[in-house]
Protein backbone atom coordinates (compact mmCIF):
# COMPACT_ATOMS: atom_id res chain seq x y z
CA MET A 1 17.32 -21.79 -18.06
CA LYS A 2 14.11 -20.47 -16.55
CA ARG A 3 13.19 -17.72 -14.11
CA VAL A 4 10.96 -18.58 -11.16
CA ARG A 5 9.02 -16.08 -9.09
CA ILE A 6 8.15 -16.92 -5.49
CA ILE A 7 5.78 -15.24 -3.03
CA VAL A 8 7.47 -15.30 0.37
CA SER A 9 5.89 -14.90 3.81
CA TYR A 10 7.92 -14.79 6.99
CA ASP A 11 8.05 -13.89 10.65
CA GLY A 12 10.96 -11.47 10.78
CA THR A 13 11.55 -11.70 14.53
CA ASN A 14 14.64 -13.89 14.37
CA TYR A 15 16.19 -12.43 11.21
CA CYS A 16 18.44 -9.47 10.45
CA GLY A 17 16.19 -8.37 7.61
CA TRP A 18 16.00 -9.62 4.03
CA GLN A 19 19.36 -8.65 2.57
CA LEU A 20 22.58 -10.62 3.13
CA GLN A 21 24.54 -9.34 6.13
CA PRO A 22 28.08 -10.16 7.33
CA ASN A 23 26.79 -10.75 10.87
CA GLY A 24 23.40 -12.34 11.42
CA ILE A 25 21.03 -14.64 9.55
CA THR A 26 18.79 -13.08 6.87
CA ILE A 27 15.80 -14.25 4.82
CA GLU A 28 17.83 -14.04 1.60
CA GLU A 29 20.57 -16.22 3.08
CA VAL A 30 18.12 -18.93 4.17
CA LEU A 31 16.37 -18.99 0.78
CA ASN A 32 19.66 -19.19 -1.12
CA LYS A 33 20.87 -22.04 1.07
CA HIS A 34 17.78 -24.22 0.81
CA LEU A 35 17.07 -23.51 -2.87
CA SER A 36 20.66 -24.43 -3.75
CA ALA A 37 20.33 -27.71 -1.84
CA LEU A 38 16.94 -28.49 -3.38
CA LEU A 39 17.86 -27.71 -7.00
CA ARG A 40 21.48 -28.90 -6.72
CA GLU A 41 22.96 -25.72 -8.17
CA GLU A 42 24.06 -22.34 -6.86
CA ILE A 43 20.95 -20.17 -6.46
CA THR A 44 20.81 -16.45 -5.68
CA VAL A 45 17.42 -14.85 -5.17
CA ILE A 46 16.55 -11.25 -6.06
CA GLY A 47 14.01 -9.76 -3.67
CA ALA A 48 11.50 -7.05 -4.49
CA SER A 49 11.49 -5.46 -1.04
CA ARG A 50 14.52 -5.63 1.24
CA THR A 51 12.74 -5.48 4.57
CA ASP A 52 14.59 -4.44 7.74
CA SER A 53 15.47 -6.53 10.76
CA GLY A 54 12.33 -7.54 12.64
CA VAL A 55 9.89 -6.62 9.84
CA HIS A 56 7.44 -9.33 8.79
CA ALA A 57 5.97 -10.17 5.37
CA MET A 58 2.84 -11.83 4.07
CA GLY A 59 3.67 -11.45 0.39
CA ASN A 60 7.19 -10.36 -0.49
CA VAL A 61 8.30 -11.27 -4.01
CA ALA A 62 11.57 -12.74 -5.25
CA VAL A 63 12.94 -14.41 -8.39
CA PHE A 64 15.80 -16.77 -9.18
CA ASP A 65 17.15 -18.50 -12.27
CA THR A 66 17.56 -22.26 -12.49
CA GLU A 67 18.35 -24.98 -15.01
CA ASN A 68 16.62 -27.63 -12.91
CA ARG A 69 13.72 -29.39 -14.64
CA MET A 70 11.45 -29.37 -11.59
CA PRO A 71 8.16 -27.67 -12.59
CA ALA A 72 8.10 -24.10 -11.31
CA ASP A 73 4.73 -24.51 -9.61
CA LYS A 74 6.00 -27.52 -7.61
CA ILE A 75 9.06 -25.78 -6.19
CA CYS A 76 7.09 -24.06 -3.42
CA PHE A 77 5.92 -27.38 -1.96
CA ALA A 78 9.36 -28.98 -2.09
CA LEU A 79 11.06 -25.90 -0.66
CA ASN A 80 8.61 -25.58 2.23
CA GLN A 81 9.65 -29.05 3.38
CA ARG A 82 13.16 -27.71 3.95
CA LEU A 83 12.54 -24.20 5.25
CA PRO A 84 12.28 -23.29 8.95
CA GLU A 85 8.75 -22.80 10.28
CA ASP A 86 8.98 -19.01 10.23
CA ILE A 87 9.47 -18.83 6.44
CA ARG A 88 6.98 -20.15 3.88
CA ILE A 89 6.62 -19.92 0.10
CA GLN A 90 2.99 -19.21 -0.77
CA LYS A 91 3.37 -19.63 -4.53
CA SER A 92 5.98 -20.37 -7.19
CA GLU A 93 5.60 -19.81 -10.93
CA GLU A 94 7.66 -19.33 -14.06
CA VAL A 95 8.02 -15.79 -15.43
CA PRO A 96 9.85 -14.37 -18.47
CA LEU A 97 13.64 -14.26 -18.10
CA GLU A 98 13.64 -10.46 -18.37
CA TRP A 99 11.10 -9.98 -15.56
CA HIS A 100 12.68 -8.22 -12.55
CA PRO A 101 10.83 -7.61 -9.27
CA ARG A 102 12.47 -4.22 -8.64
CA LYS A 103 12.28 -2.88 -12.19
CA CYS A 104 8.53 -3.33 -12.76
CA ASN A 105 6.01 -0.76 -11.50
CA CYS A 106 4.05 -2.06 -8.55
CA THR A 107 1.85 -1.04 -5.65
CA LYS A 108 3.25 -1.91 -2.23
CA THR A 109 0.96 -2.35 0.75
CA TYR A 110 2.13 -2.32 4.36
CA GLU A 111 0.34 -2.64 7.69
CA TYR A 112 1.49 -1.30 11.02
CA LYS A 113 -0.19 -2.61 14.18
CA ILE A 114 -0.47 -0.74 17.48
CA LEU A 115 -1.73 -2.43 20.63
CA ASN A 116 -3.50 0.40 22.48
CA ARG A 117 -4.43 -0.59 26.02
CA LYS A 118 -3.35 0.09 29.61
CA ILE A 119 -1.31 -3.10 30.01
CA ASP A 120 0.74 -4.89 27.35
CA MET A 121 -0.37 -8.29 26.05
CA PRO A 122 2.58 -10.74 25.77
CA VAL A 123 1.07 -12.74 22.89
CA SER A 124 1.06 -9.59 20.73
CA ARG A 125 4.49 -8.26 21.66
CA LEU A 126 6.33 -9.60 18.60
CA TYR A 127 3.84 -8.34 16.02
CA SER A 128 2.63 -4.97 17.32
CA HIS A 129 3.88 -1.82 19.02
CA PHE A 130 2.45 -1.28 22.50
CA CYS A 131 1.09 2.15 23.46
CA TYR A 132 -0.63 2.66 26.81
CA PHE A 133 -1.70 6.27 26.06
CA PRO A 134 -5.29 6.34 24.62
CA LEU A 135 -5.11 7.19 20.91
CA ASP A 136 -7.80 9.22 19.10
CA VAL A 137 -8.20 7.20 15.90
CA GLU A 138 -10.58 9.71 14.30
CA LYS A 139 -7.95 12.44 14.54
CA MET A 140 -5.37 10.03 13.17
CA LYS A 141 -7.67 9.33 10.20
CA GLU A 142 -8.04 13.06 9.59
CA ALA A 143 -4.27 13.48 9.61
CA ALA A 144 -3.89 10.55 7.20
CA GLY A 145 -5.80 12.52 4.57
CA TYR A 146 -2.91 14.97 4.28
CA ILE A 147 -0.47 12.16 3.50
CA VAL A 148 -2.40 10.58 0.61
CA GLY A 149 -1.25 11.77 -2.81
CA GLU A 150 2.06 12.74 -4.42
CA HIS A 151 4.34 14.64 -2.04
CA ASP A 152 7.97 15.17 -1.19
CA PHE A 153 8.31 12.87 1.83
CA LYS A 154 11.79 14.00 2.87
CA SER A 155 10.45 14.69 6.39
CA PHE A 156 9.46 11.02 6.65
CA CYS A 157 12.72 9.28 5.79
CA THR A 158 15.79 8.49 7.86
CA VAL A 159 18.61 10.98 7.36
CA ARG A 160 21.00 8.25 6.17
CA SER A 161 18.62 7.26 3.36
CA GLN A 162 20.48 6.93 0.06
CA ALA A 163 17.49 8.08 -2.02
CA GLU A 164 18.23 11.23 -4.02
CA GLU A 165 14.59 11.62 -5.09
CA THR A 166 12.20 11.85 -2.14
CA VAL A 167 8.92 12.38 -4.00
CA ARG A 168 6.56 9.42 -3.62
CA THR A 169 2.86 8.71 -4.21
CA VAL A 170 0.68 7.28 -1.45
CA TYR A 171 -2.48 5.79 -2.99
CA SER A 172 -4.35 5.10 0.24
CA LEU A 173 -3.82 5.36 3.99
CA ASP A 174 -6.47 3.93 6.30
CA LEU A 175 -6.82 3.20 9.99
CA ASP A 176 -9.02 0.61 11.62
CA ARG A 177 -9.54 -0.18 15.29
CA ARG A 178 -10.72 -3.62 16.42
CA ASP A 179 -10.91 -3.83 20.21
CA ASP A 180 -7.44 -2.80 21.43
CA MET A 181 -5.62 -3.24 18.10
CA ILE A 182 -5.17 -0.31 15.71
CA THR A 183 -4.10 -1.20 12.16
CA ILE A 184 -2.57 1.39 9.84
CA ARG A 185 -2.70 0.24 6.21
CA ILE A 186 -0.81 2.17 3.56
CA SER A 187 -0.45 1.56 -0.19
CA GLY A 188 1.84 3.41 -2.56
CA SER A 189 4.13 3.28 -5.55
CA GLY A 190 7.13 2.90 -3.27
CA PHE A 191 8.44 4.07 0.08
CA LEU A 192 11.58 5.75 1.36
CA TYR A 193 13.77 4.11 3.98
CA ASN A 194 11.77 3.90 7.25
CA MET A 195 9.02 6.05 5.71
CA VAL A 196 6.12 3.85 6.84
CA ARG A 197 7.42 3.60 10.41
CA ILE A 198 7.90 7.37 10.65
CA ILE A 199 4.41 7.99 9.25
CA ALA A 200 3.03 5.61 11.87
CA GLY A 201 4.95 7.42 14.61
CA THR A 202 3.66 10.78 13.38
CA LEU A 203 0.05 9.57 13.34
CA MET A 204 0.51 8.30 16.89
CA LYS A 205 1.59 11.80 17.96
CA VAL A 206 -1.63 13.12 16.42
CA GLY A 207 -3.62 10.44 18.24
CA MET A 208 -2.00 11.50 21.53
CA GLY A 209 -2.90 15.14 20.94
CA VAL A 210 0.71 16.29 20.57
CA TYR A 211 0.08 17.42 16.96
CA PRO A 212 -3.22 18.65 15.52
CA PRO A 213 -4.19 16.71 12.35
CA GLU A 214 -3.50 19.67 10.06
CA TYR A 215 0.09 19.90 11.36
CA VAL A 216 0.93 16.94 9.13
CA GLU A 217 0.69 19.28 6.14
CA THR A 218 3.28 21.54 7.79
CA ILE A 219 5.55 18.53 8.35
CA ILE A 220 5.37 17.58 4.67
CA ASP A 221 6.09 21.14 3.50
CA ALA A 222 9.06 21.49 5.87
CA ARG A 223 11.05 18.65 4.26
CA ASP A 224 12.78 18.27 7.63
CA ARG A 225 13.07 14.94 9.45
CA GLN A 226 13.12 16.72 12.82
CA LYS A 227 9.55 17.99 12.30
CA ALA A 228 7.98 14.52 11.99
CA GLY A 229 7.20 12.00 14.70
CA PRO A 230 9.49 9.19 15.89
CA LYS A 231 10.35 6.02 14.00
CA VAL A 232 8.30 3.29 15.67
CA PRO A 233 9.72 -0.24 16.23
CA ALA A 234 10.07 -2.63 13.29
CA LYS A 235 8.13 -5.47 14.94
CA GLY A 236 4.74 -3.84 14.26
CA LEU A 237 5.37 -3.59 10.50
CA THR A 238 4.27 -6.18 7.93
CA LEU A 239 4.74 -6.08 4.16
CA VAL A 240 1.31 -7.26 3.04
CA SER A 241 1.59 -7.47 -0.74
CA LEU A 242 3.09 -6.22 -3.98
CA GLU A 243 0.72 -5.78 -6.93
CA TYR A 244 2.48 -5.36 -10.28
CA GLU A 245 0.90 -2.90 -12.71
CA THR A 246 1.01 -5.22 -15.72
CA GLU A 247 -0.94 -7.81 -13.74
CA LEU A 248 -3.67 -5.63 -12.24
CA PRO A 249 -7.00 -7.01 -13.44
CA LYS A 250 -10.19 -5.14 -14.32
CA TRP A 251 -10.95 -2.05 -12.24
CA LEU A 252 -7.36 -2.08 -10.93
CA GLY A 253 -8.69 -3.76 -7.82
CA GLY A 254 -7.52 -7.31 -8.21
CA GLU A 255 -8.61 -10.29 -6.18
CA ASN A 256 -5.86 -9.99 -3.60
CA LYS A 257 -7.48 -11.06 -0.35
CA PHE A 258 -5.40 -8.56 1.59
CA TRP A 259 -7.02 -5.54 -0.06
CA SER A 260 -10.22 -4.17 1.52
CA PHE A 261 -10.65 -1.64 -1.26
CA ALA A 262 -8.90 -0.16 -4.25
CA THR A 263 -9.15 3.44 -5.39
CA LEU A 264 -8.25 5.29 -8.54
CA GLN A 265 -7.95 9.02 -8.03
CA SER A 266 -6.23 10.99 -10.73
CA HIS A 267 -6.03 14.76 -10.72
CA ILE A 268 -6.29 16.30 -14.19
CA LYS A 269 -4.30 19.45 -13.68
CA GLU A 270 -5.16 21.26 -16.90
CA ASP A 271 -8.88 21.54 -16.11
CA LYS A 272 -8.77 20.98 -12.32
CA THR A 273 -10.89 17.82 -12.47
CA ALA A 274 -10.41 14.69 -10.37
CA PHE A 275 -11.97 11.22 -10.54
CA LEU A 276 -12.56 8.90 -7.61
CA LEU A 277 -13.63 5.31 -8.27
CA ILE A 278 -14.32 3.10 -5.24
CA LYS A 279 -14.39 -0.69 -5.46
CA ARG A 280 -14.47 -3.48 -2.89
CA CYS A 281 -14.55 -1.11 0.05
CA VAL A 282 -16.25 -2.67 3.07
CA ASP A 283 -19.42 -0.80 4.00
CA GLU A 284 -18.18 0.46 7.36
CA ASP A 285 -15.16 2.12 5.69
CA PHE A 286 -17.00 3.61 2.72
CA ALA A 287 -17.86 7.05 4.13
CA GLY A 288 -14.34 7.57 5.44
CA VAL A 289 -12.75 6.57 2.13
CA ILE A 290 -14.99 8.95 0.18
CA ARG A 291 -14.48 11.82 2.63
CA ARG A 292 -10.68 11.55 2.81
CA ASN A 293 -10.16 11.15 -0.93
CA ILE A 294 -12.46 14.06 -1.81
CA HIS A 295 -10.60 16.19 0.71
CA GLN A 296 -7.26 15.17 -0.79
CA ALA A 297 -8.43 15.91 -4.35
CA VAL A 298 -9.62 19.39 -3.39
CA ARG A 299 -6.37 20.03 -1.50
CA ASN A 300 -4.50 19.15 -4.70
CA GLY A 301 -6.41 21.81 -6.60
CA ALA A 302 -9.44 19.98 -8.03
CA GLU A 303 -12.49 22.20 -8.52
CA VAL A 304 -14.73 19.36 -9.71
CA VAL A 305 -14.61 15.78 -8.40
CA TYR A 306 -16.46 12.93 -10.11
CA VAL A 307 -17.15 9.92 -7.90
CA ALA A 308 -18.53 6.44 -8.55
CA ASP A 309 -19.15 3.33 -6.45
CA LEU A 310 -18.23 0.39 -8.67
CA GLU A 311 -19.26 -2.34 -6.25
CA LYS A 312 -22.66 -1.38 -4.82
CA ASP A 313 -25.26 1.39 -4.88
CA ARG A 314 -24.00 3.17 -1.77
CA LEU A 315 -23.61 6.61 -3.34
CA LYS A 316 -26.74 8.79 -3.54
CA ALA A 317 -27.46 12.42 -4.39
CA GLY A 318 -27.76 14.48 -1.25
CA ASP A 319 -25.26 12.43 0.76
CA VAL A 320 -22.93 14.63 2.79
CA TYR A 321 -19.25 13.73 3.22
CA GLY A 322 -17.46 16.27 5.40
CA PHE A 323 -17.91 19.67 3.76
CA TYR A 324 -19.16 18.25 0.44
CA THR A 325 -22.57 17.18 -0.83
CA ILE A 326 -23.02 14.65 -3.63
CA GLU A 327 -24.94 16.17 -6.56
CA GLU A 328 -26.77 14.60 -9.48
CA PRO A 329 -24.60 14.66 -12.63
CA GLU A 330 -26.71 17.30 -14.38
CA ASP A 331 -26.79 19.55 -11.30
CA CYS A 332 -23.07 19.97 -10.81
CA GLN A 333 -23.34 23.17 -8.75
CA LYS A 334 -21.06 21.93 -5.97
CA PRO A 335 -17.61 20.40 -6.41
CA VAL A 336 -18.68 16.73 -6.23
CA SER A 337 -20.79 14.95 -8.83
CA MET A 338 -21.74 11.33 -9.60
CA LEU A 339 -20.80 9.73 -12.90
CA THR A 340 -23.74 8.64 -15.04
CA ALA A 341 -24.48 5.00 -15.91
CA GLU A 342 -23.45 5.64 -19.52
CA GLU A 343 -20.12 7.07 -18.44
CA LEU A 344 -19.54 4.09 -16.16
CA ASP A 345 -20.21 1.72 -19.07
CA GLU A 346 -17.56 3.48 -21.12
CA ILE A 347 -15.15 3.42 -18.17
CA SER A 348 -15.78 -0.31 -17.81
CA GLU A 349 -14.62 -0.85 -21.39
CA ILE A 350 -11.53 1.27 -20.80
CA CYS A 351 -10.51 -0.54 -17.61
CA GLY A 352 -11.08 -4.01 -19.00
CA GLY A 353 -10.10 -3.41 -22.56
CA SER A 354 -6.69 -5.10 -22.57
CA ALA A 355 -5.00 -8.02 -20.88
CA GLY A 356 -2.41 -5.92 -19.12
CA GLY A 357 -4.65 -2.95 -18.50
CA PRO A 358 -3.69 0.65 -19.27
CA GLY A 359 -1.67 2.78 -16.90
CA LEU A 360 -3.38 5.08 -14.42
CA GLN A 361 -2.56 8.25 -16.33
CA ASN A 362 -3.96 6.86 -19.59
CA ILE A 363 -7.20 5.90 -17.86
CA ALA A 364 -7.40 9.35 -16.28
CA LYS A 365 -7.11 11.03 -19.68
CA LYS A 366 -9.82 8.80 -21.13
CA LEU A 367 -12.04 9.44 -18.11
CA LYS A 368 -11.71 13.14 -18.78
CA LYS A 369 -12.81 12.53 -22.35
CA CYS A 370 -15.78 10.44 -21.15
CA VAL A 371 -17.32 13.25 -19.15
CA LYS A 372 -16.97 16.01 -21.71
């Protein structure tokens, strides 16, 4: 017996979501059917993320057990020969029998696409939500800053959600506009039912001028679904990737091609200090990432924020990001200071010191020790 993990991509247009349903074809049903035929035994997959009807995926994760001798890394090629064109296995590999995709800590990344123009474009209708009203993306970005961090997101989940605990952590939330297409990209430890779609709908209300950006903070504090924006259609949502904590490589950034940047921001509550490490952030996004994360750290109570650019030399003393000015390490008069080269060397050892990599909280504690 062996356990095989597969990375699944699919166009969710013609499916009633991931999970088996009494009426309607699902992704899970199709995978079970074709894997069972291929391996000549009854196969039941376990999916990491049970996406809704109409939601797409670039990198969902699933596992199944099999006694077939076919090499795990060859299964993806054989299975793709049988699957319909709107489902593809990007990778297959053997994992330990105890490995479970829903019981291991991971970072989930979603994208929501909005086509923002006067007239709809038919070729985009299945993969984006059309909005003819001009959206102010800069205001939407400002509002996004209030969502990043650990909050009670009860206002952003469907009332019928079965989750008893509604506190979640959003690691990053960014918006990008290319021509008429706005992309909302959000990464977090996990999301409540319909949470991403309600966040997208709320940001759209900000972009329309219905809500001011700071009203998002009021929505979060209210813990009331009626205060937030609408749930936008499923077709604009794509599950981009799942990054498991035990597999995150050095700097916690990974080589996942779907990530434009990775951040580590950990608020040390006992001495009101926060750390912000930026890696693999494209140049045009850098200022916005710095500004929003500093703002979030200060909102969470940080009185001193240490920042470092791990990829390039884009961070210089005197740079102004919103209300904050970057200071030299020895001149920490204002609430934002750069880490020294020596401190970065020590951080490098911490982040790359073990195969699995330490957890975020352990790194944060060691970072605090580094700068004292």
